């Protein structure tokens, strides 16, 4: 069975994820820390203590090959890929073994710039098109995994 795991702290597509997973009768588990009480119908919630990467480690310890994870965290994405899970961000971009190294490198460079007192642009304001992109890509990824399991 394919499980959908969501790094739910600050995730703008929690409800969309549950909606699509429910259509395919796939279980959804939301992971959040105690600062974000996130209860949603159609999903199980796992709350962990606040702490650096506590949610990430709880999620990655539960991921199985073929599970789908929704996160915008490159570090978590890399750990999920190592466990042969599939990972997508809130805009429908899939993290893969082919793109994760470059993304991690970009994050490292941005951190160095900030530590040196430089400023980086923040994320763009979320648009309706971002949700549409997520819906299309998430639906395609689910169908791909279902077809793999049946084939």
C-alpha atoms as a PDB file:
ATOM      1  CA  UNK A   1       0.000   0.000   0.000  1.00  0.00           C
ATOM      2  CA  UNK A   2       1.211   3.487  -0.864  1.00  0.00           C
ATOM      3  CA  UNK A   3       1.249   5.886   2.076  1.00  0.00           C
ATOM      4  CA  UNK A   4       1.159   9.657   1.764  1.00  0.00           C
ATOM      5  CA  UNK A   5       3.297  11.412   4.380  1.00  0.00           C
ATOM      6  CA  UNK A   6       3.154  15.195   4.743  1.00  0.00           C
ATOM      7  CA  UNK A   7       5.679  17.485   6.416  1.00  0.00           C
ATOM      8  CA  UNK A   8       2.698  19.545   7.512  1.00  0.00           C
ATOM      9  CA  UNK A   9       4.314  22.466   9.374  1.00  0.00           C
ATOM     10  CA  UNK A  10       3.724  25.407   7.056  1.00  0.00           C
ATOM     11  CA  UNK A  11       2.549  23.231   4.153  1.00  0.00           C
ATOM     12  CA  UNK A  12      -0.031  25.069   2.022  1.00  0.00           C
ATOM     13  CA  UNK A  13      -1.361  21.927   0.285  1.00  0.00           C
ATOM     14  CA  UNK A  14      -2.391  19.773   3.252  1.00  0.00           C
ATOM     15  CA  UNK A  15      -6.079  19.877   2.328  1.00  0.00           C
ATOM     16  CA  UNK A  16      -5.408  19.266  -1.389  1.00  0.00           C
ATOM     17  CA  UNK A  17      -3.193  16.311  -0.513  1.00  0.00           C
ATOM     18  CA  UNK A  18      -5.893  14.746   1.658  1.00  0.00           C
ATOM     19  CA  UNK A  19      -8.532  15.400  -1.001  1.00  0.00           C
ATOM     20  CA  UNK A  20      -6.597  13.597  -3.754  1.00  0.00           C
ATOM     21  CA  UNK A  21      -5.345  10.758  -1.553  1.00  0.00           C
ATOM     22  CA  UNK A  22      -8.904  10.122  -0.354  1.00  0.00           C
ATOM     23  CA  UNK A  23     -10.076   9.726  -3.960  1.00  0.00           C
ATOM     24  CA  UNK A  24      -7.593   6.866  -4.339  1.00  0.00           C
ATOM     25  CA  UNK A  25      -8.270   5.506  -0.841  1.00  0.00           C
ATOM     26  CA  UNK A  26      -4.663   6.113   0.202  1.00  0.00           C
ATOM     27  CA  UNK A  27      -3.821   6.779   3.854  1.00  0.00           C
ATOM     28  CA  UNK A  28      -2.431  10.213   4.725  1.00  0.00           C
ATOM     29  CA  UNK A  29      -0.286  10.952   7.746  1.00  0.00           C
ATOM     30  CA  UNK A  30       0.473  14.542   8.743  1.00  0.00           C
ATOM     31  CA  UNK A  31       3.642  15.233  10.733  1.00  0.00           C
ATOM     32  CA  UNK A  32       3.886  18.419  12.776  1.00  0.00           C
ATOM     33  CA  UNK A  33       5.396  19.711  15.982  1.00  0.00           C
ATOM     34  CA  UNK A  34       3.502  20.781  19.069  1.00  0.00           C
ATOM     35  CA  UNK A  35       3.461  24.418  17.887  1.00  0.00           C
ATOM     36  CA  UNK A  36       1.191  23.415  14.981  1.00  0.00           C
ATOM     37  CA  UNK A  37      -1.859  21.474  16.101  1.00  0.00           C
ATOM     38  CA  UNK A  38      -3.006  20.040  12.788  1.00  0.00           C
ATOM     39  CA  UNK A  39      -6.039  17.790  12.909  1.00  0.00           C
ATOM     40  CA  UNK A  40      -7.774  17.063   9.597  1.00  0.00           C
ATOM     41  CA  UNK A  41     -10.574  14.703   8.706  1.00  0.00           C
ATOM     42  CA  UNK A  42      -9.245  11.989   6.421  1.00  0.00           C
ATOM     43  CA  UNK A  43      -5.726  12.034   7.861  1.00  0.00           C
ATOM     44  CA  UNK A  44      -3.835  10.729  10.859  1.00  0.00           C
ATOM     45  CA  UNK A  45      -1.696  13.298  12.684  1.00  0.00           C
ATOM     46  CA  UNK A  46       1.585  12.557  14.407  1.00  0.00           C
ATOM     47  CA  UNK A  47       2.757  15.355  16.667  1.00  0.00           C
ATOM     48  CA  UNK A  48       6.334  15.481  17.871  1.00  0.00           C
ATOM     49  CA  UNK A  49       8.115  17.718  20.346  1.00  0.00           C
ATOM     50  CA  UNK A  50       9.449  21.008  19.080  1.00  0.00           C
ATOM     51  CA  UNK A  51      13.062  20.715  18.160  1.00  0.00           C
ATOM     52  CA  UNK A  52      15.415  21.097  15.264  1.00  0.00           C
ATOM     53  CA  UNK A  53      14.444  18.532  12.598  1.00  0.00           C
ATOM     54  CA  UNK A  54      12.325  16.474  15.049  1.00  0.00           C
ATOM     55  CA  UNK A  55       9.457  16.280  12.564  1.00  0.00           C
ATOM     56  CA  UNK A  56      11.818  15.355   9.727  1.00  0.00           C
ATOM     57  CA  UNK A  57      13.384  12.460  11.631  1.00  0.00           C
ATOM     58  CA  UNK A  58      10.001  11.120  12.763  1.00  0.00           C
ATOM     59  CA  UNK A  59       8.724  11.202   9.187  1.00  0.00           C
ATOM     60  CA  UNK A  60      11.810   9.634   7.602  1.00  0.00           C
ATOM     61  CA  UNK A  61      11.782   6.826  10.171  1.00  0.00           C
ATOM     62  CA  UNK A  62       8.301   5.855   8.961  1.00  0.00           C
ATOM     63  CA  UNK A  63       8.759   6.145   5.190  1.00  0.00           C
ATOM     64  CA  UNK A  64       8.827   2.932   3.133  1.00  0.00           C
ATOM     65  CA  UNK A  65       9.909   2.406  -0.489  1.00  0.00           C
ATOM     66  CA  UNK A  66       7.194   3.722  -2.809  1.00  0.00           C
ATOM     67  CA  UNK A  67       5.606   6.037  -0.236  1.00  0.00           C
ATOM     68  CA  UNK A  68       4.965   9.613  -1.358  1.00  0.00           C
ATOM     69  CA  UNK A  69       6.208  12.476   0.824  1.00  0.00           C
ATOM     70  CA  UNK A  70       5.184  16.123   0.501  1.00  0.00           C
ATOM     71  CA  UNK A  71       7.786  18.578   1.801  1.00  0.00           C
ATOM     72  CA  UNK A  72       9.643  21.701   0.821  1.00  0.00           C
ATOM     73  CA  UNK A  73      12.684  20.684   2.896  1.00  0.00           C
ATOM     74  CA  UNK A  74      15.620  19.587   0.721  1.00  0.00           C
ATOM     75  CA  UNK A  75      17.343  17.790   3.589  1.00  0.00           C
ATOM     76  CA  UNK A  76      14.255  15.727   4.355  1.00  0.00           C
ATOM     77  CA  UNK A  77      13.792  15.064   0.635  1.00  0.00           C
ATOM     78  CA  UNK A  78      17.342  13.671   0.419  1.00  0.00           C
ATOM     79  CA  UNK A  79      16.707  11.311   3.352  1.00  0.00           C
ATOM     80  CA  UNK A  80      13.409  10.121   1.827  1.00  0.00           C
ATOM     81  CA  UNK A  81      15.102   9.460  -1.528  1.00  0.00           C
ATOM     82  CA  UNK A  82      17.743   7.395   0.284  1.00  0.00           C
ATOM     83  CA  UNK A  83      14.915   5.219   1.610  1.00  0.00           C
ATOM     84  CA  UNK A  84      13.476   4.888  -1.944  1.00  0.00           C
ATOM     85  CA  UNK A  85      10.459   7.077  -1.234  1.00  0.00           C
ATOM     86  CA  UNK A  86       9.091   9.592  -3.709  1.00  0.00           C
ATOM     87  CA  UNK A  87       9.162  13.269  -2.799  1.00  0.00           C
ATOM     88  CA  UNK A  88       7.326  16.313  -4.106  1.00  0.00           C
ATOM     89  CA  UNK A  89       7.144  19.924  -2.995  1.00  0.00           C
ATOM     90  CA  UNK A  90       4.011  22.045  -2.576  1.00  0.00           C
ATOM     91  CA  UNK A  91       4.284  23.320  -6.179  1.00  0.00           C
ATOM     92  CA  UNK A  92       4.446  19.878  -7.786  1.00  0.00           C
ATOM     93  CA  UNK A  93       8.212  19.715  -8.307  1.00  0.00           C
ATOM     94  CA  UNK A  94       9.459  16.200  -7.763  1.00  0.00           C
ATOM     95  CA  UNK A  95      12.748  15.774  -5.955  1.00  0.00           C
ATOM     96  CA  UNK A  96      14.865  13.090  -7.596  1.00  0.00           C
ATOM     97  CA  UNK A  97      18.321  11.578  -7.302  1.00  0.00           C
ATOM     98  CA  UNK A  98      19.147  13.679 -10.379  1.00  0.00           C
ATOM     99  CA  UNK A  99      18.253  17.084  -8.870  1.00  0.00           C
ATOM    100  CA  UNK A 100      18.704  16.750  -5.097  1.00  0.00           C
ATOM    101  CA  UNK A 101      22.459  17.383  -5.016  1.00  0.00           C
ATOM    102  CA  UNK A 102      22.081  20.687  -6.866  1.00  0.00           C
ATOM    103  CA  UNK A 103      19.221  21.750  -4.585  1.00  0.00           C
ATOM    104  CA  UNK A 104      21.225  20.914  -1.459  1.00  0.00           C
ATOM    105  CA  UNK A 105      24.208  22.814  -2.847  1.00  0.00           C
ATOM    106  CA  UNK A 106      22.025  25.875  -3.547  1.00  0.00           C
ATOM    107  CA  UNK A 107      20.707  25.735   0.017  1.00  0.00           C
ATOM    108  CA  UNK A 108      24.265  25.550   1.356  1.00  0.00           C
ATOM    109  CA  UNK A 109      25.361  28.591  -0.706  1.00  0.00           C
ATOM    110  CA  UNK A 110      22.295  30.579   0.425  1.00  0.00           C
ATOM    111  CA  UNK A 111      23.079  29.757   4.065  1.00  0.00           C
ATOM    112  CA  UNK A 112      26.685  30.941   3.647  1.00  0.00           C
ATOM    113  CA  UNK A 113      25.466  34.220   2.101  1.00  0.00           C
ATOM    114  CA  UNK A 114      23.050  34.785   5.000  1.00  0.00           C
ATOM    115  CA  UNK A 115      25.738  33.967   7.578  1.00  0.00           C
ATOM    116  CA  UNK A 116      27.990  36.576   5.940  1.00  0.00           C
ATOM    117  CA  UNK A 117      25.242  39.174   6.375  1.00  0.00           C
ATOM    118  CA  UNK A 118      23.841  38.946   2.861  1.00  0.00           C
ATOM    119  CA  UNK A 119      20.169  38.842   2.049  1.00  0.00           C
ATOM    120  CA  UNK A 120      18.273  36.387  -0.113  1.00  0.00           C
ATOM    121  CA  UNK A 121      14.859  36.774  -1.689  1.00  0.00           C
ATOM    122  CA  UNK A 122      12.118  34.923   0.108  1.00  0.00           C
ATOM    123  CA  UNK A 123       9.658  32.625  -1.611  1.00  0.00           C
ATOM    124  CA  UNK A 124       7.157  34.126  -4.026  1.00  0.00           C
ATOM    125  CA  UNK A 125       3.591  34.660  -2.862  1.00  0.00           C
ATOM    126  CA  UNK A 126       1.515  31.533  -3.466  1.00  0.00           C
ATOM    127  CA  UNK A 127      -0.773  31.694  -6.489  1.00  0.00           C
ATOM    128  CA  UNK A 128      -3.732  29.647  -7.677  1.00  0.00           C
ATOM    129  CA  UNK A 129      -1.520  28.278 -10.459  1.00  0.00           C
ATOM    130  CA  UNK A 130       0.811  26.784  -7.841  1.00  0.00           C
ATOM    131  CA  UNK A 131      -2.072  24.701  -6.462  1.00  0.00           C
ATOM    132  CA  UNK A 132      -3.012  23.620  -9.987  1.00  0.00           C
ATOM    133  CA  UNK A 133       0.573  22.561 -10.707  1.00  0.00           C
ATOM    134  CA  UNK A 134       0.641  20.580  -7.473  1.00  0.00           C
ATOM    135  CA  UNK A 135      -2.688  18.880  -8.236  1.00  0.00           C
ATOM    136  CA  UNK A 136      -1.572  17.768 -11.709  1.00  0.00           C
ATOM    137  CA  UNK A 137       1.831  16.488 -10.583  1.00  0.00           C
ATOM    138  CA  UNK A 138       0.537  14.830  -7.395  1.00  0.00           C
ATOM    139  CA  UNK A 139      -2.238  13.054  -9.272  1.00  0.00           C
ATOM    140  CA  UNK A 140       0.258  11.827 -11.899  1.00  0.00           C
ATOM    141  CA  UNK A 141       2.651  10.561  -9.204  1.00  0.00           C
ATOM    142  CA  UNK A 142      -0.134   8.662  -7.435  1.00  0.00           C
ATOM    143  CA  UNK A 143      -1.262   7.050 -10.690  1.00  0.00           C
ATOM    144  CA  UNK A 144       2.340   6.133 -11.533  1.00  0.00           C
ATOM    145  CA  UNK A 145       2.748   4.377  -8.169  1.00  0.00           C
ATOM    146  CA  UNK A 146      -0.617   2.609  -8.420  1.00  0.00           C
ATOM    147  CA  UNK A 147       0.293   1.340 -11.891  1.00  0.00           C
ATOM    148  CA  UNK A 148       3.677   0.102 -10.599  1.00  0.00           C
ATOM    149  CA  UNK A 149       1.985  -1.846  -7.822  1.00  0.00           C
ATOM    150  CA  UNK A 150      -0.596  -3.371 -10.145  1.00  0.00           C
ATOM    151  CA  UNK A 151       1.892  -4.122 -12.937  1.00  0.00           C
END
